[in-house]
Amino acid sequence: MSEFVELTRNGHVLAVKLNKPKVNAIDIPMSQHIAAALAELRDRMVNGCNEVAAVRHFEDMAAERDRAIVGVLKAVAAAKAANEV
């Protein structure tokens, strides 16, 4: 990445580590390194989404997401109602 910003991956977590001793001050050069790291992170996320999506259409994935959210909201409402009894 760069001498001041390091990306490390641990499973599904990608960490951005600032490495500019003594205080990790975010000056203009440091902000440029951070921007580059975030651009790489964005690219990795887009590539990962494309790999996961493969042959699926966005609308299908959005509908699946929405069904999952509705399921979670219903479960929360049911749990809340059960606790109120």
N, C-alpha and C. Protein backbone atom coordinates (compact mmCIF):
# COMPACT_ATOMS: atom_id res chain seq x y z
N MET A 1 0.85 -1.18 0.00
CA MET A 1 0.00 0.00 0.00
C MET A 1 0.88 1.24 0.00
N SER A 2 1.35 1.64 1.18
CA SER A 2 2.29 2.75 1.27
C SER A 2 3.04 2.61 2.58
N GLU A 3 4.04 3.45 2.76
CA GLU A 3 4.80 3.37 4.00
C GLU A 3 4.01 3.90 5.20
N PHE A 4 2.96 4.70 4.94
CA PHE A 4 2.20 5.31 6.04
C PHE A 4 0.85 4.66 6.30
N VAL A 5 0.32 3.95 5.32
CA VAL A 5 -0.99 3.32 5.48
C VAL A 5 -0.87 1.86 5.07
N GLU A 6 -1.35 0.98 5.94
CA GLU A 6 -1.23 -0.46 5.70
C GLU A 6 -2.61 -1.10 5.75
N LEU A 7 -2.93 -1.91 4.75
CA LEU A 7 -4.17 -2.66 4.74
C LEU A 7 -3.85 -4.11 5.11
N THR A 8 -4.60 -4.63 6.08
CA THR A 8 -4.44 -6.04 6.44
C THR A 8 -5.82 -6.67 6.50
N ARG A 9 -5.89 -7.92 6.10
CA ARG A 9 -7.17 -8.63 6.09
C ARG A 9 -7.13 -9.77 7.07
N ASN A 10 -8.21 -9.90 7.85
CA ASN A 10 -8.38 -11.01 8.78
C ASN A 10 -9.79 -11.53 8.57
N GLY A 11 -9.92 -12.55 7.76
CA GLY A 11 -11.26 -13.06 7.42
C GLY A 11 -12.00 -12.03 6.59
N HIS A 12 -13.17 -11.62 7.08
CA HIS A 12 -13.97 -10.64 6.36
C HIS A 12 -13.67 -9.20 6.77
N VAL A 13 -12.70 -9.02 7.66
CA VAL A 13 -12.37 -7.68 8.16
C VAL A 13 -11.11 -7.18 7.48
N LEU A 14 -11.21 -6.00 6.91
CA LEU A 14 -10.05 -5.34 6.31
C LEU A 14 -9.73 -4.13 7.17
N ALA A 15 -8.54 -4.12 7.76
CA ALA A 15 -8.14 -3.03 8.66
C ALA A 15 -7.24 -2.06 7.92
N VAL A 16 -7.45 -0.78 8.18
CA VAL A 16 -6.60 0.28 7.65
C VAL A 16 -5.79 0.81 8.84
N LYS A 17 -4.48 0.60 8.79
CA LYS A 17 -3.61 1.00 9.90
C LYS A 17 -2.78 2.21 9.48
N LEU A 18 -2.86 3.27 10.30
CA LEU A 18 -2.02 4.45 10.07
C LEU A 18 -0.67 4.21 10.73
N ASN A 19 0.39 4.47 10.00
CA ASN A 19 1.71 4.16 10.52
C ASN A 19 2.66 5.32 10.23
N LYS A 20 2.40 6.43 10.90
CA LYS A 20 3.26 7.61 10.75
C LYS A 20 3.64 8.07 12.15
N PRO A 21 4.68 7.43 12.69
CA PRO A 21 5.06 7.78 14.06
C PRO A 21 5.37 9.26 14.18
N LYS A 22 5.22 9.78 15.09
CA LYS A 22 4.98 9.79 16.50
C LYS A 22 3.49 9.94 16.82
N VAL A 23 2.75 10.68 16.02
CA VAL A 23 1.37 10.93 16.41
C VAL A 23 0.34 10.53 15.37
N ASN A 24 0.75 9.96 14.26
CA ASN A 24 -0.18 9.62 13.17
C ASN A 24 -1.00 10.83 12.74
N ALA A 25 -0.36 11.99 12.70
CA ALA A 25 -1.06 13.22 12.32
C ALA A 25 -1.57 13.09 10.89
N ILE A 26 -2.79 13.56 10.67
CA ILE A 26 -3.37 13.49 9.33
C ILE A 26 -3.13 14.83 8.65
N ASP A 27 -1.98 14.92 8.01
CA ASP A 27 -1.66 16.10 7.22
C ASP A 27 -2.01 15.80 5.76
N ILE A 28 -1.67 16.70 4.86
CA ILE A 28 -2.04 16.50 3.45
C ILE A 28 -1.42 15.22 2.87
N PRO A 29 -0.12 14.98 3.05
CA PRO A 29 0.42 13.73 2.51
C PRO A 29 -0.25 12.49 3.12
N MET A 30 -0.51 12.52 4.43
CA MET A 30 -1.15 11.38 5.07
C MET A 30 -2.56 11.20 4.53
N SER A 31 -3.30 12.29 4.33
CA SER A 31 -4.66 12.18 3.81
C SER A 31 -4.65 11.60 2.39
N GLN A 32 -3.61 11.89 1.62
CA GLN A 32 -3.50 11.31 0.28
C GLN A 32 -3.26 9.80 0.35
N HIS A 33 -2.46 9.38 1.32
CA HIS A 33 -2.23 7.94 1.51
C HIS A 33 -3.53 7.25 1.98
N ILE A 34 -4.27 7.90 2.86
CA ILE A 34 -5.52 7.34 3.34
C ILE A 34 -6.51 7.24 2.18
N ALA A 35 -6.58 8.27 1.35
CA ALA A 35 -7.48 8.25 0.19
C ALA A 35 -7.15 7.09 -0.73
N ALA A 36 -5.86 6.84 -0.95
CA ALA A 36 -5.44 5.73 -1.80
C ALA A 36 -5.87 4.39 -1.18
N ALA A 37 -5.72 4.27 0.14
CA ALA A 37 -6.11 3.03 0.82
C ALA A 37 -7.62 2.82 0.73
N LEU A 38 -8.39 3.90 0.89
CA LEU A 38 -9.84 3.78 0.81
C LEU A 38 -10.28 3.47 -0.62
N ALA A 39 -9.57 4.00 -1.61
CA ALA A 39 -9.88 3.67 -3.01
C ALA A 39 -9.63 2.18 -3.26
N GLU A 40 -8.55 1.65 -2.70
CA GLU A 40 -8.28 0.22 -2.84
C GLU A 40 -9.35 -0.60 -2.14
N LEU A 41 -9.77 -0.15 -0.97
CA LEU A 41 -10.84 -0.82 -0.24
C LEU A 41 -12.12 -0.83 -1.08
N ARG A 42 -12.45 0.31 -1.66
CA ARG A 42 -13.64 0.41 -2.51
C ARG A 42 -13.55 -0.58 -3.68
N ASP A 43 -12.39 -0.62 -4.32
CA ASP A 43 -12.20 -1.52 -5.46
C ASP A 43 -12.36 -2.98 -5.03
N ARG A 44 -11.81 -3.32 -3.86
CA ARG A 44 -11.94 -4.70 -3.36
C ARG A 44 -13.40 -5.03 -3.08
N MET A 45 -14.13 -4.06 -2.51
CA MET A 45 -15.54 -4.29 -2.21
C MET A 45 -16.34 -4.47 -3.50
N VAL A 46 -16.08 -3.64 -4.50
CA VAL A 46 -16.79 -3.75 -5.77
C VAL A 46 -16.48 -5.09 -6.42
N ASN A 47 -15.21 -5.46 -6.43
CA ASN A 47 -14.82 -6.75 -7.02
C ASN A 47 -15.49 -7.90 -6.28
N GLY A 48 -15.53 -7.81 -4.96
CA GLY A 48 -16.19 -8.86 -4.17
C GLY A 48 -17.67 -8.94 -4.46
N CYS A 49 -18.32 -7.79 -4.59
CA CYS A 49 -19.75 -7.78 -4.92
C CYS A 49 -19.98 -8.38 -6.30
N ASN A 50 -19.11 -8.04 -7.24
CA ASN A 50 -19.26 -8.60 -8.59
C ASN A 50 -19.08 -10.10 -8.58
N GLU A 51 -18.13 -10.60 -7.77
CA GLU A 51 -17.92 -12.05 -7.69
C GLU A 51 -19.13 -12.74 -7.07
N VAL A 52 -19.69 -12.12 -6.02
CA VAL A 52 -20.85 -12.71 -5.36
C VAL A 52 -22.06 -12.65 -6.27
N ALA A 53 -22.23 -11.53 -6.95
CA ALA A 53 -23.40 -11.34 -7.81
C ALA A 53 -23.35 -12.26 -9.02
N ALA A 54 -22.18 -12.40 -9.59
CA ALA A 54 -21.95 -13.25 -10.77
C ALA A 54 -23.08 -13.12 -11.78
N VAL A 55 -24.03 -14.04 -11.77
CA VAL A 55 -25.08 -14.03 -12.80
C VAL A 55 -26.40 -13.48 -12.27
N ARG A 56 -26.42 -13.00 -11.04
CA ARG A 56 -27.66 -12.49 -10.45
C ARG A 56 -27.84 -11.03 -10.82
N HIS A 57 -29.08 -10.62 -11.00
CA HIS A 57 -29.38 -9.23 -11.30
C HIS A 57 -29.52 -8.44 -10.01
N PHE A 58 -29.19 -7.16 -10.07
CA PHE A 58 -29.25 -6.31 -8.89
C PHE A 58 -30.65 -6.31 -8.29
N GLU A 59 -31.67 -6.25 -9.13
CA GLU A 59 -33.05 -6.20 -8.64
C GLU A 59 -33.38 -7.45 -7.82
N ASP A 60 -32.88 -8.61 -8.27
CA ASP A 60 -33.11 -9.85 -7.52
C ASP A 60 -32.43 -9.80 -6.16
N MET A 61 -31.20 -9.28 -6.15
CA MET A 61 -30.48 -9.20 -4.88
C MET A 61 -31.14 -8.20 -3.95
N ALA A 62 -31.64 -7.08 -4.49
CA ALA A 62 -32.33 -6.08 -3.67
C ALA A 62 -33.61 -6.66 -3.09
N ALA A 63 -34.35 -7.43 -3.88
CA ALA A 63 -35.57 -8.05 -3.39
C ALA A 63 -35.26 -9.06 -2.29
N GLU A 64 -34.20 -9.83 -2.46
CA GLU A 64 -33.78 -10.80 -1.42
C GLU A 64 -33.40 -10.07 -0.14
N ARG A 65 -32.66 -8.96 -0.28
CA ARG A 65 -32.28 -8.16 0.89
C ARG A 65 -33.52 -7.64 1.59
N ASP A 66 -34.48 -7.12 0.82
CA ASP A 66 -35.69 -6.55 1.41
C ASP A 66 -36.50 -7.62 2.14
N ARG A 67 -36.58 -8.83 1.56
CA ARG A 67 -37.30 -9.92 2.25
C ARG A 67 -36.61 -10.26 3.57
N ALA A 68 -35.30 -10.26 3.55
CA ALA A 68 -34.56 -10.57 4.78
C ALA A 68 -34.79 -9.50 5.84
N ILE A 69 -34.79 -8.24 5.43
CA ILE A 69 -35.03 -7.14 6.38
C ILE A 69 -36.43 -7.25 6.97
N VAL A 70 -37.42 -7.53 6.13
CA VAL A 70 -38.80 -7.68 6.62
C VAL A 70 -38.87 -8.83 7.62
N GLY A 71 -38.16 -9.92 7.33
CA GLY A 71 -38.14 -11.06 8.25
C GLY A 71 -37.56 -10.69 9.61
N VAL A 72 -36.49 -9.92 9.59
CA VAL A 72 -35.86 -9.48 10.84
C VAL A 72 -36.80 -8.55 11.61
N LEU A 73 -37.43 -7.62 10.91
CA LEU A 73 -38.36 -6.69 11.58
C LEU A 73 -39.54 -7.44 12.19
N LYS A 74 -40.05 -8.45 11.48
CA LYS A 74 -41.15 -9.25 12.03
C LYS A 74 -40.71 -10.01 13.27
N ALA A 75 -39.49 -10.57 13.24
CA ALA A 75 -38.97 -11.30 14.40
C ALA A 75 -38.80 -10.37 15.59
N VAL A 76 -38.31 -9.16 15.35
CA VAL A 76 -38.15 -8.18 16.43
C VAL A 76 -39.51 -7.81 17.01
N ALA A 77 -40.49 -7.57 16.13
CA ALA A 77 -41.84 -7.22 16.60
C ALA A 77 -42.44 -8.37 17.40
N ALA A 78 -42.25 -9.61 16.95
CA ALA A 78 -42.78 -10.76 17.67
C ALA A 78 -42.11 -10.89 19.04
N ALA A 79 -40.82 -10.71 19.10
CA ALA A 79 -40.09 -10.79 20.38
C ALA A 79 -40.55 -9.69 21.32
N LYS A 80 -40.75 -8.51 20.78
CA LYS A 80 -41.20 -7.40 21.61
C LYS A 80 -42.61 -7.69 22.14
N ALA A 81 -43.48 -8.21 21.28
CA ALA A 81 -44.86 -8.52 21.71
C ALA A 81 -44.84 -9.63 22.77
N ALA A 82 -43.98 -10.61 22.62
CA ALA A 82 -43.90 -11.71 23.59
C ALA A 82 -43.44 -11.20 24.95
N ASN A 83 -42.56 -10.21 24.95
CA ASN A 83 -42.06 -9.65 26.20
C ASN A 83 -43.05 -8.74 26.88
N GLU A 84 -44.04 -8.23 26.12
CA GLU A 84 -45.03 -7.32 26.69
C GLU A 84 -46.16 -8.07 27.36
N VAL A 85 -46.28 -9.37 27.09
CA VAL A 85 -47.39 -10.16 27.64
C VAL A 85 -47.15 -10.48 29.09
